[in-house]
Amino acid sequence: MTTKQINTKEGLSKEFKYLLAGTPVNIDIVTPAGKKGRFRTIFIGYLPEQFILIQFPDANKLGGYSQYITQGSQVTVRGLVEGHEASVIAFISTIKQTLSQPSRIMVLNFPDNMVIHNLRSTKRVLTDLTANIALSDNQWQVKITDVSLSGCHIEVSEGGKDELTEGEQIEIVIEATEQENLTIKARVCNVKLFENGVEFGCQFLGEQDNTIEKIVHTALLSEK
């Protein structure tokens, strides 16, 4: 099954055991004005049916969003679980309290439901990934708006109208984590004008399955 909904206490506790302590997760924080911030941090652990512990994101990266990490605020959490098959779980919770010792920690209420995406059976993920693409000596910073196991959709807001044409082979570099970049080769197709640049589909070239799965995983963690 591509996507599974879990909404029982027993089911939630069963799935959480696959989210290991120390696993990197992404959290979304939304301001009262509706502006969303997404930050990488660490899953610490949980007590079944009671609470979840998440490390505070780096204070330098949080910036003004730190003022919204308060009791009662809503947080969306996404992380990779290693069960029978690699999957990404996502759930929404509220902050129960915050701790300053032994380190800065968010205590989240145990969620009422969870969504699980299976990486290998995911058809297409709507996402918002920043990447760089290269063609010969030219480079552009781009946005990836959807990803599948066969390809992705890319928006170039500035330039590329003359160079990025159908059939060209490009190299895409995505920052998956602060320590790892994912690089993949793809072929340009279905080019259209977009703002002052272009948008187009990409077909991933063969023999890159491991990298493709990592890209789908990264896209799910940044799902819209």
Protein backbone atom coordinates (compact mmCIF):
# COMPACT_ATOMS: atom_id res chain seq x y z
CA MET A 1 0.00 0.00 0.00
CA THR A 2 1.41 3.40 -1.00
CA THR A 3 -0.10 5.39 1.87
CA LYS A 4 -1.50 4.02 5.12
CA GLN A 5 -3.49 5.83 7.80
CA ILE A 6 -3.00 4.75 11.42
CA ASN A 7 -5.50 6.01 13.98
CA THR A 8 -5.51 3.49 16.83
CA LYS A 9 -3.34 3.73 19.94
CA GLU A 10 -2.03 0.20 19.44
CA GLY A 11 -1.19 0.85 15.80
CA LEU A 12 0.58 4.12 16.58
CA SER A 13 2.70 2.56 19.31
CA LYS A 14 3.64 -0.30 16.97
CA GLU A 15 4.82 2.05 14.21
CA PHE A 16 6.72 4.38 16.54
CA LYS A 17 9.03 1.57 17.62
CA TYR A 18 10.57 1.71 14.13
CA LEU A 19 11.42 5.42 14.54
CA LEU A 20 14.74 4.95 16.29
CA ALA A 21 16.24 7.32 18.85
CA GLY A 22 18.66 9.65 17.09
CA THR A 23 16.78 9.54 13.77
CA PRO A 24 16.83 12.87 11.88
CA VAL A 25 13.34 14.34 11.39
CA ASN A 26 11.88 17.44 9.80
CA ILE A 27 9.43 19.62 11.70
CA ASP A 28 7.08 22.25 10.28
CA ILE A 29 6.16 25.29 12.36
CA VAL A 30 3.46 27.68 11.12
CA THR A 31 3.22 31.27 12.37
CA PRO A 32 -0.16 32.89 13.20
CA ALA A 33 0.17 34.72 9.85
CA GLY A 34 0.39 31.38 8.03
CA LYS A 35 4.11 31.45 7.19
CA LYS A 36 5.68 27.99 7.38
CA GLY A 37 9.19 27.18 8.53
CA ARG A 38 10.76 23.74 8.08
CA PHE A 39 13.70 22.64 10.23
CA ARG A 40 15.84 19.53 10.64
CA THR A 41 16.23 18.12 14.11
CA ILE A 42 16.47 14.80 16.02
CA PHE A 43 13.87 12.35 17.34
CA ILE A 44 14.84 11.45 20.92
CA GLY A 45 12.19 8.94 21.97
CA TYR A 46 8.64 8.42 23.19
CA LEU A 47 6.45 6.92 25.89
CA PRO A 48 3.57 5.01 24.23
CA GLU A 49 0.24 6.85 24.29
CA GLN A 50 1.71 9.67 26.41
CA PHE A 51 4.37 11.88 24.80
CA ILE A 52 7.15 12.25 22.22
CA LEU A 53 10.54 13.91 22.72
CA ILE A 54 12.08 15.99 19.91
CA GLN A 55 15.33 17.97 20.08
CA PHE A 56 15.02 21.72 19.50
CA PRO A 57 16.34 22.68 16.05
CA ASP A 58 19.53 24.72 15.88
CA ALA A 59 18.77 28.14 17.41
CA ASN A 60 20.68 29.95 14.65
CA LYS A 61 18.47 28.37 11.99
CA LEU A 62 15.21 28.82 13.90
CA GLY A 63 15.55 32.60 13.97
CA GLY A 64 12.22 34.27 14.73
CA TYR A 65 10.37 30.94 14.61
CA SER A 66 11.69 30.13 18.09
CA GLN A 67 8.99 32.36 19.61
CA TYR A 68 6.32 30.00 18.22
CA ILE A 69 7.70 26.88 19.93
CA THR A 70 5.44 27.25 22.94
CA GLN A 71 2.91 25.15 24.83
CA GLY A 72 -0.12 24.40 22.66
CA SER A 73 1.55 25.23 19.33
CA GLN A 74 1.01 22.77 16.48
CA VAL A 75 3.96 20.93 14.95
CA THR A 76 4.13 18.58 11.94
CA VAL A 77 6.83 15.90 12.17
CA ARG A 78 8.20 13.73 9.35
CA GLY A 79 10.82 11.01 9.67
CA LEU A 80 12.17 7.85 8.05
CA VAL A 81 11.28 4.56 9.72
CA GLU A 82 13.00 1.25 9.10
CA GLY A 83 10.40 -1.49 9.40
CA HIS A 84 9.78 -4.28 6.93
CA GLU A 85 10.23 -1.65 4.19
CA ALA A 86 11.66 1.86 4.34
CA SER A 87 8.82 4.33 4.85
CA VAL A 88 8.29 7.92 5.86
CA ILE A 89 5.87 8.67 8.68
CA ALA A 90 4.16 12.00 9.19
CA PHE A 91 2.02 13.17 12.08
CA ILE A 92 0.67 16.38 13.59
CA SER A 93 0.92 17.07 17.30
CA THR A 94 0.89 19.94 19.78
CA ILE A 95 3.61 20.99 22.17
CA LYS A 96 2.92 19.74 25.69
CA GLN A 97 5.85 21.61 27.21
CA THR A 98 9.47 22.57 26.53
CA LEU A 99 12.52 21.62 28.58
CA SER A 100 15.87 23.36 28.93
CA GLN A 101 17.72 20.56 30.77
CA PRO A 102 19.68 18.41 30.01
CA SER A 103 19.26 20.10 26.60
CA ARG A 104 16.52 22.03 24.83
CA ILE A 105 13.73 19.53 24.16
CA MET A 106 10.16 19.71 22.87
CA VAL A 107 7.69 17.41 24.60
CA LEU A 108 4.86 16.66 22.15
CA ASN A 109 1.50 15.14 22.91
CA PHE A 110 1.11 11.63 21.53
CA PRO A 111 -0.69 12.03 18.17
CA ASP A 112 -4.16 10.72 17.38
CA ASN A 113 -3.22 9.56 13.89
CA MET A 114 -0.29 9.08 11.53
CA VAL A 115 0.28 8.76 7.78
CA ILE A 116 2.84 6.26 6.45
CA HIS A 117 4.23 6.54 2.92
CA ASN A 118 6.00 3.49 1.52
CA LEU A 119 9.02 4.71 -0.45
CA ARG A 120 9.11 1.97 -3.06
CA SER A 121 5.43 2.15 -3.96
CA THR A 122 5.05 5.94 -3.90
CA LYS A 123 3.87 7.14 -7.32
CA ARG A 124 4.39 10.90 -7.08
CA VAL A 125 5.19 13.32 -4.26
CA LEU A 126 4.29 17.01 -4.32
CA THR A 127 7.25 18.67 -2.69
CA ASP A 128 9.29 21.87 -2.42
CA LEU A 129 12.99 21.08 -2.78
CA THR A 130 15.76 23.50 -3.64
CA ALA A 131 18.38 22.04 -5.96
CA ASN A 132 21.11 22.97 -8.41
CA ILE A 133 21.29 21.71 -11.97
CA ALA A 134 24.26 21.72 -14.32
CA LEU A 135 24.48 21.50 -18.10
CA SER A 136 27.97 21.81 -19.58
CA ASP A 137 29.43 24.96 -17.96
CA ASN A 138 26.04 26.40 -16.97
CA GLN A 139 24.43 26.10 -13.54
CA TRP A 140 21.06 27.18 -12.16
CA GLN A 141 19.43 27.11 -8.75
CA VAL A 142 16.00 25.53 -9.18
CA LYS A 143 12.93 24.31 -7.35
CA ILE A 144 11.72 20.70 -7.61
CA THR A 145 7.93 20.62 -7.24
CA ASP A 146 7.22 16.90 -7.60
CA VAL A 147 9.20 13.66 -7.61
CA SER A 148 8.50 10.07 -8.58
CA LEU A 149 10.64 6.96 -9.05
CA SER A 150 10.91 7.77 -12.75
CA GLY A 151 11.54 11.52 -12.73
CA CYS A 152 10.70 14.96 -11.38
CA HIS A 153 9.37 18.41 -12.32
CA ILE A 154 11.72 21.40 -12.16
CA GLU A 155 11.11 25.16 -12.18
CA VAL A 156 13.90 27.56 -13.20
CA SER A 157 12.77 31.11 -12.37
CA GLU A 158 15.70 32.83 -14.13
CA GLY A 159 17.39 31.85 -17.38
CA GLY A 160 17.82 28.54 -19.16
CA LYS A 161 15.49 29.29 -22.08
CA ASP A 162 18.17 28.71 -24.69
CA GLU A 163 20.20 25.98 -22.98
CA LEU A 164 17.60 23.75 -21.29
CA THR A 165 15.93 22.15 -24.29
CA GLU A 166 14.25 18.78 -24.74
CA GLY A 167 16.62 15.83 -24.84
CA GLU A 168 19.50 17.55 -23.02
CA GLN A 169 21.14 15.54 -20.23
CA ILE A 170 21.56 17.42 -16.95
CA GLU A 171 22.98 16.74 -13.51
CA ILE A 172 20.77 17.51 -10.50
CA VAL A 173 22.25 18.08 -7.03
CA ILE A 174 19.91 18.05 -4.00
CA GLU A 175 20.94 18.72 -0.41
CA ALA A 176 19.43 15.75 1.44
CA THR A 177 21.09 16.50 4.78
CA GLU A 178 23.72 18.91 6.01
CA GLN A 179 26.28 16.14 5.46
CA GLU A 180 25.02 14.62 2.20
CA ASN A 181 24.22 15.86 -1.29
CA LEU A 182 22.36 13.63 -3.74
CA THR A 183 23.51 13.81 -7.37
CA ILE A 184 21.52 12.26 -10.20
CA LYS A 185 21.55 12.40 -13.99
CA ALA A 186 18.34 13.09 -15.91
CA ARG A 187 17.03 13.93 -19.36
CA VAL A 188 15.01 17.12 -20.00
CA CYS A 189 11.52 16.79 -21.49
CA ASN A 190 8.31 18.84 -21.91
CA VAL A 191 9.89 22.30 -21.64
CA LYS A 192 7.60 25.32 -21.07
CA LEU A 193 8.20 29.01 -20.34
CA PHE A 194 8.04 29.89 -16.62
CA GLU A 195 8.40 33.43 -15.21
CA ASN A 196 11.79 34.60 -16.58
CA GLY A 197 12.97 31.05 -17.11
CA VAL A 198 11.57 27.61 -17.90
CA GLU A 199 9.85 24.65 -16.30
CA PHE A 200 10.22 21.08 -17.47
CA GLY A 201 9.93 17.42 -16.63
CA CYS A 202 12.96 15.21 -16.10
CA GLN A 203 13.37 11.51 -16.73
CA PHE A 204 15.93 9.90 -14.43
CA LEU A 205 18.53 7.88 -16.33
CA GLY A 206 19.10 4.19 -15.59
CA GLU A 207 21.13 2.42 -12.89
CA GLN A 208 20.55 5.04 -10.18
CA ASP A 209 17.95 3.20 -8.09
CA ASN A 210 19.61 3.78 -4.72
CA THR A 211 19.93 7.52 -5.31
CA ILE A 212 16.36 7.74 -6.64
CA GLU A 213 14.99 6.13 -3.47
CA LYS A 214 16.94 8.61 -1.36
CA ILE A 215 15.52 11.49 -3.42
CA VAL A 216 11.94 10.22 -2.97
CA HIS A 217 12.64 9.92 0.76
CA THR A 218 13.94 13.51 0.85
CA ALA A 219 10.89 14.69 -1.11
CA LEU A 220 8.52 12.97 1.32
CA LEU A 221 10.24 14.70 4.23
CA SER A 222 9.62 18.01 2.42
CA GLU A 223 6.13 17.13 1.18
CA LYS A 224 3.70 20.01 0.67
